[in-house]
Amino acid sequence: MNTLFYVVCIVAIVFTAETIQKYMKMKNDEKRAQDPELEETLAQIERLEERIKVLERIVTENKYDLSQEISNLK
């Protein structure tokens, strides 16, 4: 077997893998569109992620003083 055969095999494997990935993505997109509960859950996850980002930003700010904020609440 020569080098050209190996090159053709590698190219065929790459194209097959890309086709499978596109098929799986398309199938996943169809499943999402059919399941309204899944869409609701994904939207809720996105909202929670945004809230976590805000909390992380608040806690990691240099000017943020947790003890002072707790004292202000009392």
Protein backbone atom coordinates (compact mmCIF):
# COMPACT_ATOMS: atom_id res chain seq x y z
CA MET A 1 0.00 0.00 0.00
CA ASN A 2 1.24 3.40 -0.83
CA THR A 3 1.00 6.83 0.71
CA LEU A 4 -1.85 7.93 -1.54
CA PHE A 5 -4.08 5.20 -0.10
CA TYR A 6 -3.45 6.46 3.45
CA VAL A 7 -4.17 10.04 2.44
CA VAL A 8 -7.47 9.01 0.84
CA CYS A 9 -8.42 7.04 3.96
CA ILE A 10 -7.68 9.97 6.26
CA VAL A 11 -9.69 12.36 4.08
CA ALA A 12 -12.60 9.90 4.02
CA ILE A 13 -12.52 9.57 7.81
CA VAL A 14 -12.50 13.35 8.27
CA PHE A 15 -15.45 13.86 5.92
CA THR A 16 -17.38 11.04 7.60
CA ALA A 17 -16.76 12.52 11.05
CA GLU A 18 -17.91 15.98 9.91
CA THR A 19 -21.06 14.51 8.38
CA ILE A 20 -21.86 12.63 11.58
CA GLN A 21 -21.33 15.78 13.67
CA LYS A 22 -23.65 17.80 11.43
CA TYR A 23 -26.29 15.06 11.58
CA MET A 24 -26.13 14.85 15.38
CA LYS A 25 -26.38 18.65 15.70
CA MET A 26 -29.37 18.75 13.38
CA LYS A 27 -31.04 15.93 15.30
CA ASN A 28 -30.39 17.74 18.60
CA ASP A 29 -31.86 20.99 17.23
CA GLU A 30 -35.00 19.15 16.12
CA LYS A 31 -35.37 17.59 19.54
CA ARG A 32 -35.10 21.01 21.21
CA ALA A 33 -37.76 22.46 18.96
CA GLN A 34 -40.16 19.64 19.79
CA ASP A 35 -39.80 19.80 23.58
CA PRO A 36 -41.16 23.01 25.15
CA GLU A 37 -40.18 21.84 28.64
CA LEU A 38 -36.58 21.59 27.50
CA GLU A 39 -36.70 25.15 26.16
CA GLU A 40 -38.11 26.37 29.47
CA THR A 41 -35.40 24.58 31.41
CA LEU A 42 -32.66 25.98 29.18
CA ALA A 43 -34.05 29.50 29.61
CA GLN A 44 -34.07 29.05 33.37
CA ILE A 45 -30.47 27.82 33.32
CA GLU A 46 -29.43 30.88 31.32
CA ARG A 47 -31.12 33.19 33.86
CA LEU A 48 -29.39 31.40 36.74
CA GLU A 49 -26.03 31.64 35.00
CA GLU A 50 -26.53 35.38 34.60
CA ARG A 51 -27.36 35.73 38.29
CA ILE A 52 -24.24 33.76 39.22
CA LYS A 53 -22.11 36.05 37.04
CA VAL A 54 -23.55 39.09 38.82
CA LEU A 55 -22.87 37.56 42.23
CA GLU A 56 -19.32 36.66 41.24
CA ARG A 57 -18.71 40.20 40.02
CA ILE A 58 -20.04 41.65 43.28
CA VAL A 59 -17.92 39.38 45.44
CA THR A 60 -14.72 39.84 43.45
CA GLU A 61 -14.84 43.63 43.27
CA ASN A 62 -11.89 45.22 45.05
CA LYS A 63 -14.04 47.86 46.72
CA TYR A 64 -16.52 45.33 48.07
CA ASP A 65 -16.33 44.95 51.82
CA LEU A 66 -18.51 42.09 53.02
CA SER A 67 -18.35 42.90 56.69
CA GLN A 68 -19.36 46.51 56.02
CA GLU A 69 -22.33 45.38 53.95
CA ILE A 70 -23.44 42.99 56.69
CA SER A 71 -23.14 45.77 59.24
CA ASN A 72 -25.27 48.03 57.06
CA LEU A 73 -28.00 45.39 56.96
CA LYS A 74 -28.24 45.25 60.75
